[in-house]
Amino acid sequence: MRWERVIKLIEERPGIAPADLAACLGVSGRTVRSDVQRANERLTGIAHIEHRRGGGYTLTVEDGDRLAALWASSHARNAKTVPSSPRERISYLVNDLVQRTTWVTLDELASTLFVSRGSLSADIQRVEEILDRFDLSIERRPRYGMRVVGSELNKRFCLAASVMDGELPMPERAVVGAQDSKGDVSWLRALGVRREALERVEQSVKKVLDAADFHINVLVYHNLITHIAIALLRIEGGSYVPFEGETLANIISTREFQIAREIAEEIESRLEIELPDAEIAYIAIHLAGKQTAFLSDQANKDVEDTGGLVISDEIWSVVTEILDRIWDVFRFDFRSDLELRMNLARHIVPLSVRLRYHMDLKNPLLADITTRYLLAWSMALEVSDVFKGAYGTVPSHDEMGYIALAFALALERSRGAVPRKNLLVVCASGAGSARLLEHRCRREFGEFIDTVISCDVMHVADMDFTDIDYVFTTVPLPVSVPVPVRQVTFFFDSAEGERMRYFLRNGPSDDRVLGAFSPTLFFPHLTCASKHEVLGFLCERAEAVRGDVSGLLPLVLKREEAAPTSYGNGVAMPHPLEAVSDDTFVTVGLLDEPVVWDERGTEVRAVFLISFSRSGGAELDAFFNSLADFFVDDAALAKLVDEQRWETLVDLLTQLNE
């Protein structure tokens, strides 16, 4: 704690001047006075800090044994909070360096963390990668050490992101830990701000939002409290956000600023701290970035129904560019889908605020979205660079998950009513049992069926299949027929019934998926050393084997620059920036050793280079639906990578589709 450092410094340097003490701590003179007052409260009956007129601070000890016990207790507590893993050290260093206003040397940090200079140097490299995401950097100067440079706004967003990721332990200047789901102040771990201050912040925010009937999602509520707590700590240290001029004037004119002012007035009355207009604008930004169009809790539904949401020409243009991109790449024509346009526009209004100010919103549904809605997720990743062009930054995966939900809803609507199928049902035991199966199919699958014809197995060869879509049979057929055949049990259970519904809705998926793969485009045991080398090889072989596509590599690389296509389970699904082939086909590359695929260090061993058909649409939708299960089946992928055989791929795809 900083009050402990105050006592130590005064004990080691009797008579230290207030300005020198402030410089050592990296805080303002006002903050030093508050820290000394807090230290004296902690030292009651043990010692007392005095400031002599015209001189500096001195420590008068009243009970030496109790002071020694205090330092022993402090040492034991601090020993428990020293980070023990590289990940914990990186979190510690981010928080420590961002909040420092003075220089610090590598040796000082290594001593604090009990690690070697070599280990710490490797950690600092990772820290710099994290800082870069917030437009922050480390400045170095010989004999002085290092410090973080960048805007105050970006420092706060960096601290908040680190804190809300729950990376502990934190340095003594950190503010708030990760929230839990209990909804009370226990999710705030006060390390630099007193607990009672945090409770008063929450009380102030809740009172104003309730009175203003201003609803925000619970995740955003926790986010807002965290940012305000960090702001108060930064203000206490003399660091303010620099909003001014036209930017400040634009924020002041919004409804969110008026609500933020009321929150500030409540905080000022409860904590006796003054918040200037720039700091009120900082709170207003978080209120303006409050909305998500696709979370389903009641508070967010109220937000969705807000009549005052204004969709500007800029937002409308971004939506248009997004839908044009989806048409170019996937050949899904959503350009006339007004509901999708409005869903996207309504979500992008607050998202644009978050992107401009490097804010981020966690998505509790992200894991389900990426596994259950593979096509929608691919569409969202595809348009991520549209946001970079419009707002200067690529949204996080959490944010893109919300965009994927919009596409998932649109895809579900586009499927609409399934065309009814004509069935031939076949049984071995005669026309009576076949008729019984016919009635069972009508009762279970009536919404998918138009005509049902029944026959026994001996007369299948005599049937006219001109108008027949599928055959359902309880026994193997003795002859080949020109339509897909589905073998079923006579008394099919609920699980088989569900599989049959899927079959009637989507068709015979094994043919659809397997038809996109070819042994001539299957390349096992690759020894490529990099992502670029893998893509270069696969694109070259695809062009050579197919003969009807060209210029794949530049389109694939441009797509990867926009957003890498790794899925986190050893799989990557690269594809060109636009549809370039007459039919959808897949080129498979399996590596003996993984290659790093993205800036997060994701390793990949199975690469499925997909070229989308120019016709796209429903055919591509069905293809992705069938392929999705395979991409998230860790056991199947592990078997494929281990064996690296064409026959293994065929068997796995067939088994999954069955």
Foldseek 3Di string as FASTA:
>chain_A
DVLVVLVVVCAVPPFDALVRSCQVSQFDSLLSVVSQVVNQVVCVVAWHWDQDVPIHIHIGGDHPVVVVVVVVVVVVVLVVFQDDDLQLLLLQVLQVQLLHPFADALVRSCVSNVHDSVSVVVSVVVNQVLLVLLVKHWDQDPPRHIHIDDAPLSSLQSLLVSQQVQRDDYDQLRAFHHADDPLDLPRGDGRNDDSVLLNQLLVLLVVLCVVVVQFFDPQLSVSLSNSVRSQVSCVSRVHFHDDDDPRLVVLCPDPLLVSLVSSQVSSCVVPVDHDDSRNSSVSSLSSLLGAFLPDPDPSNVVVNPDPPDDQDPLLLVLLQVLQVLCCFAQVARCNVVVVLSVNSSSRVRSVLSCLLSVHAGAAPCLVVLVQQQVVLLVSLLLSQVSSCVSRVDGHDSRSSSSSSVSVVVVLVVVLPQAAAFEEEEEEAPFDVLQVVLVVVCCVLPVSRHDHYHYGYLVCPVVDDCPRHAEYEYCDDHPDDDPHHYDYAHSPHDPVVSVLVNCCSSQNQQLCLQVVQEDPQLAAEADADAAPLVVLVVSQVSVCVVPVQFDPWSVQQVVSVVSPFQDDQLQEGETEGSGATDQAKHWRWYAHPFWHQGDPVRRTHGIYIYIHHHSNRDPSVVSNCSLCSVVVPPNVLVVVCNVVSDPVSVSVSSVVSSD
